[in-house]
C-alpha atoms as a PDB file:
ATOM      1  CA  MET A   1       0.000   0.000   0.000  1.00  0.00           C
ATOM      2  CA  ASP A   2       2.445   2.623  -1.242  1.00  0.00           C
ATOM      3  CA  GLY A   3       2.107   6.368  -1.702  1.00  0.00           C
ATOM      4  CA  ASN A   4       0.633   7.775   1.515  1.00  0.00           C
ATOM      5  CA  GLY A   5       3.519  10.155   2.083  1.00  0.00           C
ATOM      6  CA  ARG A   6       3.571  11.439  -1.497  1.00  0.00           C
ATOM      7  CA  TRP A   7      -0.207  11.848  -1.454  1.00  0.00           C
ATOM      8  CA  ALA A   8       0.132  14.111   1.579  1.00  0.00           C
ATOM      9  CA  ARG A   9       3.110  16.009   0.177  1.00  0.00           C
ATOM     10  CA  ASN A  10       1.208  16.757  -3.049  1.00  0.00           C
ATOM     11  CA  ARG A  11      -1.414  18.465  -0.874  1.00  0.00           C
ATOM     12  CA  ALA A  12       1.076  20.304   1.339  1.00  0.00           C
ATOM     13  CA  MET A  13      -0.017  18.139   4.257  1.00  0.00           C
ATOM     14  CA  PRO A  14       2.082  16.264   6.861  1.00  0.00           C
ATOM     15  CA  ARG A  15       2.902  12.630   6.131  1.00  0.00           C
ATOM     16  CA  HIS A  16       0.661  11.335   8.914  1.00  0.00           C
ATOM     17  CA  ALA A  17      -2.326  12.881   7.108  1.00  0.00           C
ATOM     18  CA  GLY A  18      -1.518  10.601   4.185  1.00  0.00           C
ATOM     19  CA  HIS A  19      -1.441   7.571   6.460  1.00  0.00           C
ATOM     20  CA  ARG A  20      -4.868   8.507   7.845  1.00  0.00           C
ATOM     21  CA  ALA A  21      -6.206   8.850   4.318  1.00  0.00           C
ATOM     22  CA  GLY A  22      -4.708   5.450   3.577  1.00  0.00           C
ATOM     23  CA  VAL A  23      -6.800   3.857   6.323  1.00  0.00           C
ATOM     24  CA  LYS A  24      -9.935   4.889   4.435  1.00  0.00           C
ATOM     25  CA  SER A  25      -8.625   3.106   1.341  1.00  0.00           C
ATOM     26  CA  VAL A  26      -8.000   0.012   3.451  1.00  0.00           C
ATOM     27  CA  ARG A  27     -11.633   0.039   4.527  1.00  0.00           C
ATOM     28  CA  ASN A  28     -12.845   0.451   0.928  1.00  0.00           C
ATOM     29  CA  VAL A  29     -10.612  -2.299  -0.440  1.00  0.00           C
ATOM     30  CA  VAL A  30     -11.576  -4.734   2.319  1.00  0.00           C
ATOM     31  CA  GLU A  31     -15.257  -4.113   1.596  1.00  0.00           C
ATOM     32  CA  THR A  32     -14.680  -4.535  -2.147  1.00  0.00           C
ATOM     33  CA  ALA A  33     -12.683  -7.744  -1.698  1.00  0.00           C
ATOM     34  CA  ALA A  34     -15.428  -9.224   0.465  1.00  0.00           C
ATOM     35  CA  GLN A  35     -18.084  -8.254  -2.087  1.00  0.00           C
ATOM     36  CA  ARG A  36     -16.053  -9.820  -4.920  1.00  0.00           C
ATOM     37  CA  GLY A  37     -15.725 -13.131  -3.106  1.00  0.00           C
ATOM     38  CA  VAL A  38     -11.995 -12.909  -2.409  1.00  0.00           C
ATOM     39  CA  SER A  39     -11.018 -15.531   0.162  1.00  0.00           C
ATOM     40  CA  TYR A  40      -7.737 -14.049   1.411  1.00  0.00           C
ATOM     41  CA  LEU A  41      -6.500 -10.466   1.410  1.00  0.00           C
ATOM     42  CA  THR A  42      -3.065  -9.697   2.871  1.00  0.00           C
ATOM     43  CA  LEU A  43      -2.124  -6.047   3.389  1.00  0.00           C
ATOM     44  CA  PHE A  44       1.491  -4.947   3.876  1.00  0.00           C
ATOM     45  CA  ALA A  45       1.012  -2.264   6.522  1.00  0.00           C
ATOM     46  CA  PHE A  46       4.476  -1.888   8.058  1.00  0.00           C
ATOM     47  CA  SER A  47       7.699  -3.578   7.010  1.00  0.00           C
ATOM     48  CA  SER A  48      10.757  -4.618   8.988  1.00  0.00           C
ATOM     49  CA  GLU A  49      12.611  -1.787   7.273  1.00  0.00           C
ATOM     50  CA  ASN A  50      10.005   0.832   8.205  1.00  0.00           C
ATOM     51  CA  TRP A  51      11.403   0.940  11.744  1.00  0.00           C
ATOM     52  CA  SER A  52      14.224   3.030  10.211  1.00  0.00           C
ATOM     53  CA  ARG A  53      11.838   5.878   9.372  1.00  0.00           C
ATOM     54  CA  PRO A  54      11.849   9.063  11.504  1.00  0.00           C
ATOM     55  CA  LYS A  55      10.823   8.280  15.091  1.00  0.00           C
ATOM     56  CA  ASP A  56       7.907  10.707  14.989  1.00  0.00           C
ATOM     57  CA  GLU A  57       6.447   9.049  11.894  1.00  0.00           C
ATOM     58  CA  VAL A  58       6.856   5.560  13.363  1.00  0.00           C
ATOM     59  CA  SER A  59       5.220   6.695  16.606  1.00  0.00           C
ATOM     60  CA  ARG A  60       2.261   8.174  14.732  1.00  0.00           C
ATOM     61  CA  LEU A  61       1.923   5.030  12.627  1.00  0.00           C
ATOM     62  CA  MET A  62       1.833   2.799  15.687  1.00  0.00           C
ATOM     63  CA  ALA A  63      -0.794   5.062  17.271  1.00  0.00           C
ATOM     64  CA  LEU A  64      -2.802   4.906  14.054  1.00  0.00           C
ATOM     65  CA  PHE A  65      -2.603   1.107  14.004  1.00  0.00           C
ATOM     66  CA  LEU A  66      -3.874   0.992  17.573  1.00  0.00           C
ATOM     67  CA  GLU A  67      -6.712   3.369  16.772  1.00  0.00           C
ATOM     68  CA  ALA A  68      -7.677   1.488  13.613  1.00  0.00           C
ATOM     69  CA  VAL A  69      -7.715  -1.916  15.311  1.00  0.00           C
ATOM     70  CA  GLN A  70      -9.858  -0.577  18.143  1.00  0.00           C
ATOM     71  CA  ARG A  71     -12.275   1.117  15.756  1.00  0.00           C
ATOM     72  CA  GLU A  72     -12.576  -1.503  13.018  1.00  0.00           C
ATOM     73  CA  ALA A  73     -12.546  -4.834  14.891  1.00  0.00           C
ATOM     74  CA  LYS A  74     -16.255  -4.855  15.738  1.00  0.00           C
ATOM     75  CA  ALA A  75     -17.254  -3.808  12.218  1.00  0.00           C
ATOM     76  CA  LEU A  76     -15.116  -6.564  10.716  1.00  0.00           C
ATOM     77  CA  HIS A  77     -16.649  -9.077  13.089  1.00  0.00           C
ATOM     78  CA  LYS A  78     -20.150  -7.910  12.188  1.00  0.00           C
ATOM     79  CA  ASN A  79     -19.327  -8.515   8.517  1.00  0.00           C
ATOM     80  CA  ASN A  80     -17.977 -12.029   9.161  1.00  0.00           C
ATOM     81  CA  VAL A  81     -14.353 -11.079   8.412  1.00  0.00           C
ATOM     82  CA  LYS A  82     -11.616 -13.091  10.113  1.00  0.00           C
ATOM     83  CA  LEU A  83      -8.699 -10.864  11.118  1.00  0.00           C
ATOM     84  CA  GLU A  84      -5.122 -12.079  11.563  1.00  0.00           C
ATOM     85  CA  PHE A  85      -1.776 -10.319  11.960  1.00  0.00           C
ATOM     86  CA  ILE A  86       1.629 -11.579  10.833  1.00  0.00           C
ATOM     87  CA  GLY A  87       5.070 -10.203  11.632  1.00  0.00           C
ATOM     88  CA  ALA A  88       7.493  -9.824  14.525  1.00  0.00           C
ATOM     89  CA  ARG A  89       5.049  -9.315  17.396  1.00  0.00           C
ATOM     90  CA  ASP A  90       7.836  -9.015  19.933  1.00  0.00           C
ATOM     91  CA  GLN A  91       8.732  -5.670  18.346  1.00  0.00           C
ATOM     92  CA  LEU A  92       5.281  -4.169  19.031  1.00  0.00           C
ATOM     93  CA  GLN A  93       4.258  -2.262  22.125  1.00  0.00           C
ATOM     94  CA  ASP A  94       2.172  -4.129  24.683  1.00  0.00           C
ATOM     95  CA  GLY A  95      -0.926  -1.981  24.188  1.00  0.00           C
ATOM     96  CA  LEU A  96      -1.032  -2.566  20.447  1.00  0.00           C
ATOM     97  CA  LEU A  97      -0.259  -6.249  20.844  1.00  0.00           C
ATOM     98  CA  GLN A  98      -3.114  -6.637  23.299  1.00  0.00           C
ATOM     99  CA  LYS A  99      -5.619  -5.028  20.916  1.00  0.00           C
ATOM    100  CA  ILE A 100      -4.347  -7.192  18.059  1.00  0.00           C
ATOM    101  CA  GLU A 101      -4.860 -10.355  20.093  1.00  0.00           C
ATOM    102  CA  GLU A 102      -8.330  -9.213  21.186  1.00  0.00           C
ATOM    103  CA  ALA A 103      -9.343  -8.511  17.571  1.00  0.00           C
ATOM    104  CA  GLU A 104      -8.024 -11.892  16.427  1.00  0.00           C
ATOM    105  CA  SER A 105      -9.918 -13.655  19.198  1.00  0.00           C
ATOM    106  CA  LEU A 106     -13.135 -11.758  18.455  1.00  0.00           C
ATOM    107  CA  THR A 107     -13.102 -12.708  14.768  1.00  0.00           C
ATOM    108  CA  SER A 108     -11.500 -16.155  15.004  1.00  0.00           C
ATOM    109  CA  ASP A 109     -14.663 -18.128  14.198  1.00  0.00           C
ATOM    110  CA  ASN A 110     -15.729 -16.018  11.214  1.00  0.00           C
ATOM    111  CA  ASP A 111     -15.727 -17.772   7.848  1.00  0.00           C
ATOM    112  CA  GLY A 112     -15.948 -14.880   5.400  1.00  0.00           C
ATOM    113  CA  LEU A 113     -12.983 -12.924   4.043  1.00  0.00           C
ATOM    114  CA  ASN A 114      -9.665 -13.757   5.719  1.00  0.00           C
ATOM    115  CA  LEU A 115      -8.005 -10.372   6.263  1.00  0.00           C
ATOM    116  CA  ILE A 116      -4.303 -10.635   7.102  1.00  0.00           C
ATOM    117  CA  ILE A 117      -2.317  -7.573   8.155  1.00  0.00           C
ATOM    118  CA  ALA A 118       1.479  -7.683   7.944  1.00  0.00           C
ATOM    119  CA  VAL A 119       3.063  -5.471  10.615  1.00  0.00           C
ATOM    120  CA  ALA A 120       6.802  -5.451  11.391  1.00  0.00           C
ATOM    121  CA  TYR A 121       7.041  -8.060   8.648  1.00  0.00           C
ATOM    122  CA  GLY A 122       9.766  -8.873   6.151  1.00  0.00           C
ATOM    123  CA  GLY A 123       9.963 -11.726   3.659  1.00  0.00           C
ATOM    124  CA  ARG A 124      13.594 -12.534   4.446  1.00  0.00           C
ATOM    125  CA  TRP A 125      12.859 -12.456   8.194  1.00  0.00           C
ATOM    126  CA  ASP A 126       9.971 -14.862   7.578  1.00  0.00           C
ATOM    127  CA  ILE A 127      12.137 -17.336   5.663  1.00  0.00           C
ATOM    128  CA  VAL A 128      15.037 -17.195   8.135  1.00  0.00           C
ATOM    129  CA  LYS A 129      12.662 -17.697  11.068  1.00  0.00           C
ATOM    130  CA  ALA A 130      11.103 -20.705   9.335  1.00  0.00           C
ATOM    131  CA  ALA A 131      14.540 -22.144   8.550  1.00  0.00           C
ATOM    132  CA  LYS A 132      15.522 -21.897  12.211  1.00  0.00           C
ATOM    133  CA  ARG A 133      12.359 -23.724  13.263  1.00  0.00           C
ATOM    134  CA  VAL A 134      13.021 -26.534  10.812  1.00  0.00           C
ATOM    135  CA  ALA A 135      16.667 -26.725  11.919  1.00  0.00           C
ATOM    136  CA  GLU A 136      15.608 -26.950  15.570  1.00  0.00           C
ATOM    137  CA  GLN A 137      13.238 -29.819  14.795  1.00  0.00           C
ATOM    138  CA  VAL A 138      15.983 -31.689  12.941  1.00  0.00           C
ATOM    139  CA  ARG A 139      18.436 -31.044  15.769  1.00  0.00           C
ATOM    140  CA  ASP A 140      15.960 -32.319  18.365  1.00  0.00           C
ATOM    141  CA  GLY A 141      15.211 -35.470  16.378  1.00  0.00           C
ATOM    142  CA  LYS A 142      11.599 -34.456  15.729  1.00  0.00           C
ATOM    143  CA  LEU A 143      12.162 -34.227  11.985  1.00  0.00           C
ATOM    144  CA  ALA A 144      14.376 -36.288   9.666  1.00  0.00           C
ATOM    145  CA  LEU A 145      16.549 -34.155   7.388  1.00  0.00           C
ATOM    146  CA  ASP A 146      15.657 -36.132   4.270  1.00  0.00           C
ATOM    147  CA  THR A 147      11.940 -35.453   4.846  1.00  0.00           C
ATOM    148  CA  VAL A 148      12.366 -31.689   4.639  1.00  0.00           C
ATOM    149  CA  ASP A 149      10.726 -30.451   1.446  1.00  0.00           C
ATOM    150  CA  GLU A 150       8.779 -27.376   0.340  1.00  0.00           C
ATOM    151  CA  SER A 151       5.577 -28.448   2.078  1.00  0.00           C
ATOM    152  CA  VAL A 152       7.381 -29.070   5.389  1.00  0.00           C
ATOM    153  CA  PHE A 153       9.164 -25.720   5.160  1.00  0.00           C
ATOM    154  CA  ALA A 154       5.978 -23.823   4.257  1.00  0.00           C
ATOM    155  CA  LYS A 155       4.330 -25.014   7.463  1.00  0.00           C
ATOM    156  CA  GLU A 156       6.788 -22.876   9.436  1.00  0.00           C
ATOM    157  CA  LEU A 157       6.129 -19.633   7.540  1.00  0.00           C
ATOM    158  CA  GLN A 158       3.907 -16.853   8.831  1.00  0.00           C
ATOM    159  CA  LEU A 159       1.188 -17.791   6.338  1.00  0.00           C
ATOM    160  CA  ALA A 160       1.246 -21.507   7.112  1.00  0.00           C
ATOM    161  CA  GLY A 161      -2.007 -23.067   5.946  1.00  0.00           C
ATOM    162  CA  VAL A 162      -2.888 -20.136   3.699  1.00  0.00           C
ATOM    163  CA  PRO A 163      -2.888 -20.729  -0.095  1.00  0.00           C
ATOM    164  CA  ASP A 164      -0.069 -19.055  -2.005  1.00  0.00           C
ATOM    165  CA  ALA A 165      -0.926 -15.594  -3.280  1.00  0.00           C
ATOM    166  CA  ASP A 166      -2.528 -15.401  -6.720  1.00  0.00           C
ATOM    167  CA  LEU A 167      -2.155 -11.672  -7.259  1.00  0.00           C
ATOM    168  CA  LEU A 168       0.109  -8.944  -5.884  1.00  0.00           C
ATOM    169  CA  ILE A 169      -1.166  -5.371  -6.228  1.00  0.00           C
ATOM    170  CA  ARG A 170       1.281  -2.531  -5.590  1.00  0.00           C
ATOM    171  CA  THR A 171       0.253   1.102  -5.720  1.00  0.00           C
ATOM    172  CA  GLY A 172       2.400   4.208  -5.964  1.00  0.00           C
ATOM    173  CA  GLY A 173       4.251   3.549  -9.221  1.00  0.00           C
ATOM    174  CA  GLU A 174       7.119   1.449  -7.845  1.00  0.00           C
ATOM    175  CA  GLN A 175       7.666  -1.895  -9.554  1.00  0.00           C
ATOM    176  CA  ARG A 176       9.200  -4.116  -6.890  1.00  0.00           C
ATOM    177  CA  ILE A 177       7.905  -6.362  -4.118  1.00  0.00           C
ATOM    178  CA  SER A 178      10.039  -4.799  -1.359  1.00  0.00           C
ATOM    179  CA  ASN A 179      10.647  -7.893   0.750  1.00  0.00           C
ATOM    180  CA  PHE A 180       6.981  -8.897   0.933  1.00  0.00           C
ATOM    181  CA  LEU A 181       5.957 -12.585   1.102  1.00  0.00           C
ATOM    182  CA  LEU A 182       9.021 -13.703  -0.866  1.00  0.00           C
ATOM    183  CA  TRP A 183       8.133 -17.391  -0.603  1.00  0.00           C
ATOM    184  CA  ASN A 184       4.388 -17.033  -1.081  1.00  0.00           C
ATOM    185  CA  LEU A 185       4.630 -14.828  -4.176  1.00  0.00           C
ATOM    186  CA  ALA A 186       6.620 -17.388  -6.187  1.00  0.00           C
ATOM    187  CA  TYR A 187       3.903 -17.763  -8.853  1.00  0.00           C
ATOM    188  CA  ALA A 188       1.755 -14.699  -8.183  1.00  0.00           C
ATOM    189  CA  GLU A 189       0.725 -12.370 -10.974  1.00  0.00           C
ATOM    190  CA  LEU A 190       2.107  -8.861 -10.387  1.00  0.00           C
ATOM    191  CA  TYR A 191       0.020  -5.739 -10.932  1.00  0.00           C
ATOM    192  CA  PHE A 192       1.550  -2.287 -10.567  1.00  0.00           C
ATOM    193  CA  THR A 193      -0.352   0.983 -10.705  1.00  0.00           C
ATOM    194  CA  ASP A 194       0.721   4.625 -10.476  1.00  0.00           C
ATOM    195  CA  LYS A 195      -2.255   5.374  -8.237  1.00  0.00           C
ATOM    196  CA  LEU A 196      -1.176   6.472  -4.776  1.00  0.00           C
ATOM    197  CA  TRP A 197      -2.725   4.303  -2.085  1.00  0.00           C
ATOM    198  CA  PRO A 198      -5.168   6.920  -0.668  1.00  0.00           C
ATOM    199  CA  ASP A 199      -6.591   7.315  -4.203  1.00  0.00           C
ATOM    200  CA  PHE A 200      -6.940   3.572  -4.828  1.00  0.00           C
ATOM    201  CA  ASN A 201     -10.631   2.658  -4.997  1.00  0.00           C
ATOM    202  CA  ALA A 202     -13.045  -0.148  -5.893  1.00  0.00           C
ATOM    203  CA  ALA A 203     -12.716   0.524  -9.629  1.00  0.00           C
ATOM    204  CA  ASP A 204      -8.927   0.254  -9.375  1.00  0.00           C
ATOM    205  CA  PHE A 205      -9.280  -3.009  -7.465  1.00  0.00           C
ATOM    206  CA  ASP A 206     -11.552  -4.353 -10.200  1.00  0.00           C
ATOM    207  CA  ASN A 207      -8.985  -3.337 -12.839  1.00  0.00           C
ATOM    208  CA  ALA A 208      -6.387  -5.431 -11.017  1.00  0.00           C
ATOM    209  CA  ILE A 209      -8.788  -8.391 -10.877  1.00  0.00           C
ATOM    210  CA  ASP A 210      -9.486  -8.028 -14.606  1.00  0.00           C
ATOM    211  CA  HIS A 211      -5.742  -8.003 -15.272  1.00  0.00           C
ATOM    212  CA  PHE A 212      -5.405 -11.212 -13.287  1.00  0.00           C
ATOM    213  CA  ALA A 213      -8.347 -12.853 -15.076  1.00  0.00           C
ATOM    214  CA  ASN A 214      -6.671 -12.299 -18.440  1.00  0.00           C
ATOM    215  CA  ARG A 215      -3.369 -13.857 -17.479  1.00  0.00           C
ATOM    216  CA  GLN A 216      -2.424 -17.418 -18.418  1.00  0.00           C
ATOM    217  CA  ARG A 217      -0.811 -19.069 -15.411  1.00  0.00           C
ATOM    218  CA  ARG A 218       1.536 -21.782 -16.686  1.00  0.00           C
ATOM    219  CA  TYR A 219       3.575 -22.879 -13.628  1.00  0.00           C
ATOM    220  CA  GLY A 220       6.431 -24.013 -15.880  1.00  0.00           C
ATOM    221  CA  PHE A 221       4.241 -25.690 -18.514  1.00  0.00           C
ATOM    222  CA  THR A 222       3.808 -24.402 -22.059  1.00  0.00           C
ATOM    223  CA  GLY A 223       0.750 -22.478 -23.124  1.00  0.00           C
ATOM    224  CA  GLU A 224      -0.299 -25.397 -25.292  1.00  0.00           C
ATOM    225  CA  GLN A 225      -0.166 -27.789 -22.337  1.00  0.00           C
ATOM    226  CA  ILE A 226      -2.313 -25.476 -20.249  1.00  0.00           C
ATOM    227  CA  SER A 227      -4.838 -25.126 -23.070  1.00  0.00           C
ATOM    228  CA  VAL A 228      -5.196 -28.913 -23.291  1.00  0.00           C
ATOM    229  CA  VAL A 229      -5.815 -29.159 -19.564  1.00  0.00           C
END
């Protein structure tokens, strides 16, 4: 969800105003995804690298996360949305962590859209953490080395049990994945738009879905093989 800061700068507003505007886009996209029958929506809210931003901006972002979780949890629950957070929870303040856990508990039995928020998350961190868990199991004799394969490894990732991503949408004009879900995006279709995140709306979301619908996903096969199947 890129472009909050630039959106604010273009309007001679402070960066935190852009982040607040971005929350409104989150709400709109979540509603649109649920209406379109999307099963899983993962939003990259705050990366491992974002801790390096100015302290004031990080502080305001954390306060905004806390406010948003408190405000939106009941509405998500009412609309049958299951909420989950991934990332390095030990890096979050106790107050925010408590609200996150309360929101997850409140929505845990919902079977509508699965909304996953990545906070203090990095794809490399995710893979290294999973590798350590697998190594510990091998060391402790709980797992034989020759049984370690992709499926075993994937069970230790933050999105264990969640299907691999079909589509990555990035706003703001940058064309890179910036350390997001490196394992899970292996075969995802990539959609980049110049729209800044606060301007991204339901029509833009539908454009991304249309782009995805017109792609031929081959997974290493030829187009002719896929056509036969």
